[in-house]
Amino acid sequence: MIRISLFNFFYYWVISLINAFLPLLFRFKGLSPGQIGIVLSVGPIVAIFSQPLWGIISDKRQSVKSVILFLLVAAFITGLAVFFSPTIVLLVIMMMIFHFFMSPIQPLLDSLSTIFAKENGVSYSSIRVWGSIGFAMASFVLGTVWGRLYL
């Protein structure tokens, strides 16, 4: 149970990082608030299609773990490409690809956690709470560090 709880912890820690720093990255790249809104809006739009698709792929492969691992690697690689996208058009395209791989991870992780909880006779909440703790801790730590460095 420790491994899946830690995975939840660190996954949601990274989500907190992404939520906090992507808008700042885009501002640093010179995008206006309107452009930042456009770039960030592609994620939920792509998720409408990518989450069911990757759920079907996971069901057909009968391996949530291997699909999550693939998605993590693909999201990491495409996430790096976001940093080097010189134009807003390329940035929107890279964010679409990034979210195509990133957005299905959370529901698949919840599915994996539910399966693990059922198979091992533990509550789902005892696993999932570590994601919330990770998100909260990351938000606090990042906010504190950011505030001391730049305010």
Protein backbone atom coordinates (compact mmCIF):
# COMPACT_ATOMS: atom_id res chain seq x y z
CA MET A 1 0.00 0.00 0.00
CA ILE A 2 2.93 2.31 0.60
CA ARG A 3 4.00 2.33 -3.05
CA ILE A 4 0.61 3.27 -4.48
CA SER A 5 0.09 5.85 -1.72
CA LEU A 6 3.49 7.39 -2.48
CA PHE A 7 2.70 7.40 -6.17
CA ASN A 8 -0.53 9.31 -5.43
CA PHE A 9 1.43 11.70 -3.22
CA PHE A 10 4.06 12.50 -5.84
CA TYR A 11 1.66 12.53 -8.78
CA TYR A 12 -0.51 15.18 -7.13
CA TRP A 13 2.63 17.05 -6.04
CA VAL A 14 3.54 17.33 -9.74
CA ILE A 15 -0.02 18.40 -10.62
CA SER A 16 0.36 21.22 -8.09
CA LEU A 17 3.63 22.22 -9.75
CA ILE A 18 2.05 22.23 -13.19
CA ASN A 19 -0.96 24.25 -12.05
CA ALA A 20 1.24 26.82 -10.32
CA PHE A 21 4.02 27.26 -12.83
CA LEU A 22 2.60 26.80 -16.32
CA PRO A 23 0.83 30.20 -16.26
CA LEU A 24 4.06 31.78 -15.00
CA LEU A 25 6.05 30.08 -17.76
CA PHE A 26 3.65 31.38 -20.38
CA ARG A 27 3.84 34.88 -18.92
CA PHE A 28 7.64 34.64 -19.01
CA LYS A 29 7.38 33.65 -22.67
CA GLY A 30 5.57 36.94 -23.27
CA LEU A 31 2.00 35.72 -23.66
CA SER A 32 -0.85 38.04 -22.72
CA PRO A 33 -3.40 36.94 -20.11
CA GLY A 34 -5.86 36.18 -22.93
CA GLN A 35 -3.33 34.04 -24.76
CA ILE A 36 -2.48 32.21 -21.53
CA GLY A 37 -6.18 31.47 -21.09
CA ILE A 38 -6.37 30.06 -24.60
CA VAL A 39 -3.29 27.88 -24.12
CA LEU A 40 -4.55 26.55 -20.78
CA SER A 41 -8.06 25.90 -22.11
CA VAL A 42 -6.93 23.21 -24.52
CA GLY A 43 -6.31 20.77 -21.65
CA PRO A 44 -9.94 20.23 -20.62
CA ILE A 45 -11.02 20.09 -24.27
CA VAL A 46 -8.48 17.39 -25.09
CA ALA A 47 -9.37 15.48 -21.89
CA ILE A 48 -12.92 14.96 -23.16
CA PHE A 49 -11.51 12.72 -25.87
CA SER A 50 -8.27 11.35 -24.43
CA GLN A 51 -9.59 10.05 -21.10
CA PRO A 52 -12.15 7.65 -22.61
CA LEU A 53 -9.69 6.61 -25.33
CA TRP A 54 -6.95 5.69 -22.87
CA GLY A 55 -9.52 4.01 -20.61
CA ILE A 56 -10.53 1.77 -23.53
CA ILE A 57 -6.87 1.06 -24.33
CA SER A 58 -6.22 0.21 -20.68
CA ASP A 59 -9.24 -2.12 -20.60
CA LYS A 60 -8.21 -3.88 -23.81
CA ARG A 61 -4.62 -4.32 -22.61
CA GLN A 62 -5.78 -5.44 -19.16
CA SER A 63 -2.91 -3.47 -17.64
CA VAL A 64 -3.56 -0.11 -16.01
CA LYS A 65 0.03 0.05 -14.71
CA SER A 66 1.72 -0.24 -18.09
CA VAL A 67 -0.62 2.33 -19.64
CA ILE A 68 0.05 4.77 -16.77
CA LEU A 69 3.79 4.24 -17.18
CA PHE A 70 3.59 4.92 -20.92
CA LEU A 71 1.46 8.02 -20.33
CA LEU A 72 3.90 9.35 -17.72
CA VAL A 73 6.86 8.99 -20.09
CA ALA A 74 4.96 10.52 -23.01
CA ALA A 75 3.67 13.41 -20.85
CA PHE A 76 7.20 14.08 -19.58
CA ILE A 77 8.64 14.21 -23.10
CA THR A 78 5.87 16.38 -24.51
CA GLY A 79 5.96 18.53 -21.37
CA LEU A 80 9.59 19.30 -22.12
CA ALA A 81 8.60 20.34 -25.65
CA VAL A 82 6.21 22.91 -24.15
CA PHE A 83 9.22 24.76 -22.71
CA PHE A 84 10.83 25.08 -26.12
CA SER A 85 7.78 26.06 -28.17
CA PRO A 86 8.65 29.47 -29.68
CA THR A 87 5.22 30.49 -31.01
CA ILE A 88 1.72 30.45 -29.57
CA VAL A 89 0.53 28.12 -32.35
CA LEU A 90 3.23 25.59 -31.58
CA LEU A 91 2.60 26.06 -27.87
CA VAL A 92 -1.11 25.26 -28.29
CA ILE A 93 -0.26 22.17 -30.33
CA MET A 94 2.28 20.96 -27.77
CA MET A 95 -0.17 21.59 -24.92
CA MET A 96 -2.78 19.55 -26.77
CA ILE A 97 -0.34 16.67 -27.14
CA PHE A 98 0.83 17.06 -23.52
CA HIS A 99 -2.75 16.93 -22.22
CA PHE A 100 -3.57 14.02 -24.50
CA PHE A 101 -1.10 12.01 -22.42
CA MET A 102 -1.38 13.78 -19.05
CA SER A 103 -5.13 14.05 -18.50
CA PRO A 104 -5.91 10.30 -18.50
CA ILE A 105 -3.37 9.56 -15.77
CA GLN A 106 -5.53 10.77 -12.89
CA PRO A 107 -8.62 8.65 -13.68
CA LEU A 108 -6.44 5.63 -14.43
CA LEU A 109 -4.59 6.15 -11.14
CA ASP A 110 -7.94 6.31 -9.34
CA SER A 111 -8.94 3.07 -11.06
CA LEU A 112 -5.68 1.41 -10.08
CA SER A 113 -6.08 2.62 -6.50
CA THR A 114 -9.65 1.30 -6.35
CA ILE A 115 -8.58 -2.10 -7.68
CA PHE A 116 -5.66 -2.23 -5.24
CA ALA A 117 -7.92 -1.29 -2.31
CA LYS A 118 -10.47 -3.95 -3.19
CA GLU A 119 -7.86 -6.69 -3.71
CA ASN A 120 -6.03 -5.88 -0.47
CA GLY A 121 -8.97 -5.14 1.80
CA VAL A 122 -8.06 -1.51 2.47
CA SER A 123 -10.13 1.59 1.91
CA TYR A 124 -9.68 3.60 -1.25
CA SER A 125 -9.63 6.79 0.82
CA SER A 126 -6.59 5.58 2.80
CA ILE A 127 -4.69 5.50 -0.51
CA ARG A 128 -6.18 8.55 -2.22
CA VAL A 129 -5.76 10.86 0.78
CA TRP A 130 -2.02 10.85 0.06
CA GLY A 131 -2.69 12.57 -3.25
CA SER A 132 -4.50 15.36 -1.42
CA ILE A 133 -1.70 15.61 1.11
CA GLY A 134 0.87 15.79 -1.70
CA PHE A 135 -1.08 18.51 -3.50
CA ALA A 136 -1.54 20.53 -0.30
CA MET A 137 2.10 20.18 0.76
CA ALA A 138 3.37 21.12 -2.69
CA SER A 139 1.09 24.15 -2.80
CA PHE A 140 2.32 25.28 0.61
CA VAL A 141 6.01 24.64 -0.10
CA LEU A 142 5.94 26.17 -3.58
CA GLY A 143 3.95 29.17 -2.39
CA THR A 144 6.35 29.75 0.49
CA VAL A 145 9.45 29.42 -1.69
CA TRP A 146 7.96 31.58 -4.46
CA GLY A 147 6.92 34.23 -1.92
CA ARG A 148 10.39 34.42 -0.37
CA LEU A 149 12.21 34.52 -3.67
CA TYR A 150 10.05 36.91 -5.64
CA LEU A 151 7.89 38.99 -3.29
